PDB file of N, CA and C in Angstrom:
ATOM      1  N   MET A   1     115.448  89.408 116.927  1.00  0.00           N
ATOM      2  CA  MET A   1     113.906  89.065 117.085  1.00  0.00           C
ATOM      3  C   MET A   1     113.635  88.731 118.513  1.00  0.00           C
ATOM      4  N   PRO A   2     114.479  87.955 119.252  1.00  0.00           N
ATOM      5  CA  PRO A   2     114.095  87.854 120.620  1.00  0.00           C
ATOM      6  C   PRO A   2     114.036  89.272 121.419  1.00  0.00           C
ATOM      7  N   LEU A   3     114.871  90.165 121.164  1.00  0.00           N
ATOM      8  CA  LEU A   3     114.803  91.434 121.634  1.00  0.00           C
ATOM      9  C   LEU A   3     113.592  92.226 121.437  1.00  0.00           C
ATOM     10  N   LEU A   4     113.013  92.103 120.288  1.00  0.00           N
ATOM     11  CA  LEU A   4     111.893  92.671 119.889  1.00  0.00           C
ATOM     12  C   LEU A   4     110.665  92.176 120.694  1.00  0.00           C
ATOM     13  N   ILE A   5     110.462  90.807 120.883  1.00  0.00           N
ATOM     14  CA  ILE A   5     109.579  90.287 121.622  1.00  0.00           C
ATOM     15  C   ILE A   5     109.732  90.552 123.243  1.00  0.00           C
ATOM     16  N   ALA A   6     110.961  90.516 123.613  1.00  0.00           N
ATOM     17  CA  ALA A   6     110.929  90.894 125.120  1.00  0.00           C
ATOM     18  C   ALA A   6     110.756  92.410 125.455  1.00  0.00           C
ATOM     19  N   GLY A   7     111.045  93.173 124.434  1.00  0.00           N
ATOM     20  CA  GLY A   7     110.544  94.632 124.565  1.00  0.00           C
ATOM     21  C   GLY A   7     109.165  94.803 124.639  1.00  0.00           C
ATOM     22  N   TRP A   8     108.440  94.078 123.685  1.00  0.00           N
ATOM     23  CA  TRP A   8     107.065  94.144 123.585  1.00  0.00           C
ATOM     24  C   TRP A   8     106.382  93.681 124.971  1.00  0.00           C
ATOM     25  N   TRP A   9     107.026  92.563 125.452  1.00  0.00           N
ATOM     26  CA  TRP A   9     106.398  91.957 126.683  1.00  0.00           C
ATOM     27  C   TRP A   9     106.623  92.890 127.833  1.00  0.00           C
ATOM     28  N   LEU A  10     107.873  93.428 127.916  1.00  0.00           N
ATOM     29  CA  LEU A  10     108.047  94.455 129.066  1.00  0.00           C
ATOM     30  C   LEU A  10     107.210  95.512 128.971  1.00  0.00           C
ATOM     31  N   LEU A  11     106.816  96.112 127.758  1.00  0.00           N
ATOM     32  CA  LEU A  11     105.975  97.183 127.618  1.00  0.00           C
ATOM     33  C   LEU A  11     104.615  96.818 128.009  1.00  0.00           C
ATOM     34  N   ARG A  12     104.196  95.572 127.677  1.00  0.00           N
ATOM     35  CA  ARG A  12     102.854  95.096 128.069  1.00  0.00           C
ATOM     36  C   ARG A  12     102.596  94.894 129.511  1.00  0.00           C
ATOM     37  N   ARG A  13     103.709  94.573 130.272  1.00  0.00           N
ATOM     38  CA  ARG A  13     103.445  94.498 131.744  1.00  0.00           C
ATOM     39  C   ARG A  13     103.413  96.048 132.349  1.00  0.00           C
ATOM     40  N   ASP A  14     103.624  97.051 131.718  1.00  0.00           N
ATOM     41  CA  ASP A  14     103.469  98.308 132.231  1.00  0.00           C
ATOM     42  C   ASP A  14     102.137  98.764 132.375  1.00  0.00           C
ATOM     43  N   ARG A  15     101.658  99.200 133.473  1.00  0.00           N
ATOM     44  CA  ARG A  15     100.242  99.436 133.783  1.00  0.00           C
ATOM     45  C   ARG A  15      99.830 100.741 132.937  1.00  0.00           C
ATOM     46  N   HIS A  16     100.940 101.565 132.563  1.00  0.00           N
ATOM     47  CA  HIS A  16     100.393 102.788 131.868  1.00  0.00           C
ATOM     48  C   HIS A  16     100.754 102.693 130.386  1.00  0.00           C
ATOM     49  N   ALA A  17     101.065 101.562 129.845  1.00  0.00           N
ATOM     50  CA  ALA A  17     101.359 101.345 128.362  1.00  0.00           C
ATOM     51  C   ALA A  17     100.114 101.717 127.565  1.00  0.00           C
ATOM     52  N   PRO A  18     100.448 102.413 126.432  1.00  0.00           N
ATOM     53  CA  PRO A  18      99.213 102.635 125.658  1.00  0.00           C
ATOM     54  C   PRO A  18      98.564 101.512 125.128  1.00  0.00           C
ATOM     55  N   ARG A  19      97.225 101.483 125.056  1.00  0.00           N
ATOM     56  CA  ARG A  19      96.509 100.222 124.686  1.00  0.00           C
ATOM     57  C   ARG A  19      96.802  99.703 123.282  1.00  0.00           C
ATOM     58  N   TRP A  20      97.225 100.638 122.330  1.00  0.00           N
ATOM     59  CA  TRP A  20      97.469 100.092 120.972  1.00  0.00           C
ATOM     60  C   TRP A  20      98.981  99.532 120.800  1.00  0.00           C
ATOM     61  N   ALA A  21      99.696  99.705 121.670  1.00  0.00           N
ATOM     62  CA  ALA A  21     101.042  99.218 121.830  1.00  0.00           C
ATOM     63  C   ALA A  21     101.163  97.713 122.405  1.00  0.00           C
ATOM     64  N   VAL A  22     100.062  97.275 123.305  1.00  0.00           N
ATOM     65  CA  VAL A  22     100.315  96.041 123.935  1.00  0.00           C
ATOM     66  C   VAL A  22      99.480  94.904 123.235  1.00  0.00           C
ATOM     67  N   GLY A  23      98.931  95.266 122.207  1.00  0.00           N
ATOM     68  CA  GLY A  23      97.849  94.169 121.634  1.00  0.00           C
ATOM     69  C   GLY A  23      98.694  93.171 120.680  1.00  0.00           C
ATOM     70  N   ALA A  24      98.029  91.989 120.343  1.00  0.00           N
ATOM     71  CA  ALA A  24      98.686  91.180 119.430  1.00  0.00           C
ATOM     72  C   ALA A  24      98.925  91.691 118.153  1.00  0.00           C
ATOM     73  N   ALA A  25      98.178  92.604 117.592  1.00  0.00           N
ATOM     74  CA  ALA A  25      98.517  93.293 116.382  1.00  0.00           C
ATOM     75  C   ALA A  25      99.678  94.028 116.216  1.00  0.00           C
ATOM     76  N   ALA A  26     100.054  94.796 117.495  1.00  0.00           N
ATOM     77  CA  ALA A  26     101.235  95.588 117.490  1.00  0.00           C
ATOM     78  C   ALA A  26     102.522  94.430 117.437  1.00  0.00           C
ATOM     79  N   LEU A  27     102.275  93.363 118.097  1.00  0.00           N
ATOM     80  CA  LEU A  27     103.431  92.393 118.151  1.00  0.00           C
ATOM     81  C   LEU A  27     103.509  91.851 116.665  1.00  0.00           C
ATOM     82  N   THR A  28     102.435  91.469 115.970  1.00  0.00           N
ATOM     83  CA  THR A  28     102.475  91.135 114.820  1.00  0.00           C
ATOM     84  C   THR A  28     103.235  92.161 113.711  1.00  0.00           C
ATOM     85  N   ILE A  29     102.585  93.335 113.642  1.00  0.00           N
ATOM     86  CA  ILE A  29     103.128  94.449 112.863  1.00  0.00           C
ATOM     87  C   ILE A  29     104.690  94.524 113.102  1.00  0.00           C
ATOM     88  N   LEU A  30     105.209  94.691 114.329  1.00  0.00           N
ATOM     89  CA  LEU A  30     106.702  94.822 114.703  1.00  0.00           C
ATOM     90  C   LEU A  30     107.377  93.586 114.216  1.00  0.00           C
ATOM     91  N   THR A  31     106.804  92.369 114.334  1.00  0.00           N
ATOM     92  CA  THR A  31     107.518  91.274 113.859  1.00  0.00           C
ATOM     93  C   THR A  31     107.882  91.304 112.311  1.00  0.00           C
ATOM     94  N   VAL A  32     106.585  91.756 111.664  1.00  0.00           N
ATOM     95  CA  VAL A  32     106.887  91.797 110.260  1.00  0.00           C
ATOM     96  C   VAL A  32     107.911  92.931 109.749  1.00  0.00           C
ATOM     97  N   LEU A  33     107.776  94.078 110.508  1.00  0.00           N
ATOM     98  CA  LEU A  33     108.777  95.085 110.096  1.00  0.00           C
ATOM     99  C   LEU A  33     110.220  94.630 110.389  1.00  0.00           C
ATOM    100  N   GLN A  34     110.370  94.062 111.610  1.00  0.00           N
ATOM    101  CA  GLN A  34     111.770  93.379 111.828  1.00  0.00           C
ATOM    102  C   GLN A  34     112.352  92.468 110.812  1.00  0.00           C
ATOM    103  N   ILE A  35     111.360  91.457 110.289  1.00  0.00           N
ATOM    104  CA  ILE A  35     111.783  90.633 109.306  1.00  0.00           C
ATOM    105  C   ILE A  35     112.020  91.210 108.041  1.00  0.00           C
ATOM    106  N   ALA A  36     111.336  92.262 107.754  1.00  0.00           N
ATOM    107  CA  ALA A  36     111.626  92.891 106.469  1.00  0.00           C
ATOM    108  C   ALA A  36     112.846  93.681 106.583  1.00  0.00           C
ATOM    109  N   PHE A  37     113.035  94.382 107.613  1.00  0.00           N
ATOM    110  CA  PHE A  37     114.496  95.096 107.828  1.00  0.00           C
ATOM    111  C   PHE A  37     115.666  94.127 107.740  1.00  0.00           C
ATOM    112  N   ASP A  38     115.491  92.971 108.241  1.00  0.00           N
ATOM    113  CA  ASP A  38     116.452  92.046 108.360  1.00  0.00           C
ATOM    114  C   ASP A  38     116.831  91.476 107.045  1.00  0.00           C
ATOM    115  N   VAL A  39     115.685  91.276 106.246  1.00  0.00           N
ATOM    116  CA  VAL A  39     115.937  90.787 104.870  1.00  0.00           C
ATOM    117  C   VAL A  39     116.718  91.846 103.937  1.00  0.00           C
ATOM    118  N   TYR A  40     116.124  93.093 104.036  1.00  0.00           N
ATOM    119  CA  TYR A  40     116.664  94.288 103.582  1.00  0.00           C
ATOM    120  C   TYR A  40     118.116  94.299 103.660  1.00  0.00           C
ATOM    121  N   GLN A  41     118.560  94.332 104.840  1.00  0.00           N
ATOM    122  CA  GLN A  41     120.008  94.246 105.350  1.00  0.00           C
ATOM    123  C   GLN A  41     120.875  93.167 104.793  1.00  0.00           C
ATOM    124  N   TYR A  42     120.229  91.995 104.726  1.00  0.00           N
ATOM    125  CA  TYR A  42     120.914  90.727 104.264  1.00  0.00           C
ATOM    126  C   TYR A  42     121.120  91.038 102.797  1.00  0.00           C
ATOM    127  N   ARG A  43     120.209  91.542 101.993  1.00  0.00           N
ATOM    128  CA  ARG A  43     120.195  91.744 100.573  1.00  0.00           C
ATOM    129  C   ARG A  43     121.177  92.867 100.146  1.00  0.00           C
ATOM    130  N   VAL A  44     121.343  93.862 101.018  1.00  0.00           N
ATOM    131  CA  VAL A  44     122.201  95.028 100.740  1.00  0.00           C
ATOM    132  C   VAL A  44     123.696  94.553 100.932  1.00  0.00           C
ATOM    133  N   ASN A  45     123.959  93.878 101.914  1.00  0.00           N
ATOM    134  CA  ASN A  45     125.283  93.584 102.254  1.00  0.00           C
ATOM    135  C   ASN A  45     125.597  92.304 101.795  1.00  0.00           C
TER     136      ASN A  45
END
Protein backbone atom coordinates (compact mmCIF):
# COMPACT_ATOMS: atom_id res chain seq x y z
CA MET A 1 0.00 0.00 0.00
CA PRO A 2 2.74 2.57 0.77
CA LEU A 3 4.23 1.92 -2.67
CA LEU A 4 0.89 2.70 -4.33
CA ILE A 5 0.56 5.99 -2.47
CA ALA A 6 4.19 6.93 -3.16
CA GLY A 7 3.72 6.25 -6.88
CA TRP A 8 0.57 8.37 -6.97
CA TRP A 9 2.37 11.17 -5.12
CA LEU A 10 5.32 11.08 -7.53
CA LEU A 11 2.96 11.18 -10.52
CA ARG A 12 1.11 14.07 -8.92
CA ARG A 13 4.33 16.09 -8.75
CA ASP A 14 4.93 15.76 -12.51
CA ARG A 15 3.94 18.88 -14.39
CA HIS A 16 2.73 16.89 -17.41
CA ALA A 17 0.73 14.25 -15.52
CA PRO A 18 -2.80 13.66 -16.82
CA ARG A 19 -5.38 15.51 -14.77
CA TRP A 20 -7.50 12.39 -14.16
CA ALA A 21 -4.53 10.54 -12.64
CA VAL A 22 -3.63 13.05 -9.94
CA GLY A 23 -6.98 13.67 -8.30
CA ALA A 24 -8.16 12.34 -4.98
CA ALA A 25 -10.66 10.11 -6.80
CA ALA A 26 -7.82 8.35 -8.60
CA LEU A 27 -6.05 7.68 -5.29
CA THR A 28 -9.28 6.35 -3.79
CA ILE A 29 -9.94 4.03 -6.75
CA LEU A 30 -6.36 2.76 -6.75
CA THR A 31 -6.51 2.11 -3.01
CA VAL A 32 -9.78 0.19 -3.27
CA LEU A 33 -8.41 -1.89 -6.16
CA GLN A 34 -5.22 -2.63 -4.23
CA ILE A 35 -7.16 -3.73 -1.15
CA ALA A 36 -9.44 -5.93 -3.27
CA PHE A 37 -6.44 -7.53 -4.95
CA ASP A 38 -4.73 -8.12 -1.60
CA VAL A 39 -7.85 -9.72 -0.13
CA TYR A 40 -8.26 -11.92 -3.21
CA GLN A 41 -4.63 -13.06 -3.02
CA TYR A 42 -4.98 -13.77 0.71
CA ARG A 43 -8.07 -15.93 0.17
CA VAL A 44 -6.60 -17.84 -2.79
CA ASN A 45 -3.41 -18.71 -0.95
